[in-house]
Amino acid sequence: MNYGAINIDIETMGGTPVFTGTRVPIQALFDYIETGETLDEFLENFPSVKKEFAIQVLEMAKKTLTTEKILNENFA
């Protein structure tokens, strides 16, 4: 399944969510942020990831975590 910037396909990384057109797991972006690295540092180390896709993923996470309805449906 393709969700814009995110692709989930059992044939790619065993179904791990990756950036569309790459084999870079979405989790890698959050790991970088968690350790205090910048978006630019992430993109420098993963040049196959488009900046607009990284920003789109961050926006999706923001929307998910700041929308009460989505939180209730997925995490309550």
Protein backbone atom coordinates (compact mmCIF):
# COMPACT_ATOMS: atom_id res chain seq x y z
CA MET A 1 0.00 0.00 0.00
CA ASN A 2 1.18 3.48 -0.76
CA TYR A 3 0.38 6.42 1.50
CA GLY A 4 2.12 9.18 -0.43
CA ALA A 5 5.50 9.42 1.27
CA ILE A 6 5.13 6.01 2.90
CA ASN A 7 5.12 2.65 1.19
CA ILE A 8 4.23 -0.66 2.85
CA ASP A 9 4.88 -3.75 0.74
CA ILE A 10 5.66 -7.24 1.99
CA GLU A 11 8.21 -7.50 -0.85
CA THR A 12 10.12 -4.46 0.45
CA MET A 13 11.80 -4.89 3.83
CA GLY A 14 9.21 -7.50 4.81
CA GLY A 15 6.40 -4.97 5.00
CA THR A 16 8.23 -2.44 7.17
CA PRO A 17 6.95 1.08 6.38
CA VAL A 18 9.58 2.78 4.20
CA PHE A 19 9.90 6.05 2.36
CA THR A 20 8.34 5.65 -1.08
CA GLY A 21 10.91 4.72 -3.72
CA THR A 22 13.49 3.63 -1.12
CA ARG A 23 14.30 0.89 1.34
CA VAL A 24 14.76 3.43 4.15
CA PRO A 25 12.47 2.63 7.09
CA ILE A 26 10.30 5.47 8.38
CA GLN A 27 11.56 4.54 11.86
CA ALA A 28 15.04 5.76 10.87
CA LEU A 29 13.76 9.36 10.70
CA PHE A 30 12.29 9.17 14.19
CA ASP A 31 15.47 7.52 15.49
CA TYR A 32 17.51 10.44 14.16
CA ILE A 33 15.21 13.00 15.74
CA GLU A 34 15.17 11.09 19.01
CA THR A 35 18.96 11.26 19.26
CA GLY A 36 18.97 15.01 18.61
CA GLU A 37 20.04 14.99 14.99
CA THR A 38 18.47 17.35 12.49
CA LEU A 39 16.33 16.66 9.45
CA ASP A 40 19.20 17.87 7.28
CA GLU A 41 21.56 15.36 8.91
CA PHE A 42 19.04 12.59 8.26
CA LEU A 43 18.67 13.60 4.62
CA GLU A 44 22.46 13.82 4.23
CA ASN A 45 22.84 10.24 5.45
CA PHE A 46 19.88 8.95 3.40
CA PRO A 47 20.13 10.79 0.08
CA SER A 48 17.51 8.56 -1.54
CA VAL A 49 14.82 10.08 0.74
CA LYS A 50 13.18 13.17 -0.72
CA LYS A 51 12.98 16.10 1.68
CA GLU A 52 9.30 16.61 0.88
CA PHE A 53 8.62 12.99 1.85
CA ALA A 54 10.40 13.40 5.20
CA ILE A 55 8.39 16.55 5.91
CA GLN A 56 5.18 14.81 4.86
CA VAL A 57 5.88 11.96 7.30
CA LEU A 58 6.50 14.44 10.12
CA GLU A 59 3.26 16.24 9.26
CA MET A 60 1.38 12.91 9.29
CA ALA A 61 2.79 12.15 12.75
CA LYS A 62 1.88 15.64 13.95
CA LYS A 63 -1.68 15.30 12.69
CA THR A 64 -2.03 11.86 14.28
CA LEU A 65 -0.72 12.97 17.65
CA THR A 66 -2.63 16.24 17.82
CA THR A 67 -6.06 14.99 16.72
CA GLU A 68 -8.14 13.65 19.59
CA LYS A 69 -10.39 11.58 17.31
CA ILE A 70 -7.41 9.78 15.75
CA LEU A 71 -5.81 9.24 19.15
CA ASN A 72 -9.01 7.73 20.53
CA GLU A 73 -9.47 5.47 17.51
CA ASN A 74 -5.89 4.21 17.51
CA PHE A 75 -4.51 4.45 21.02
CA ALA A 76 -7.39 4.45 23.52
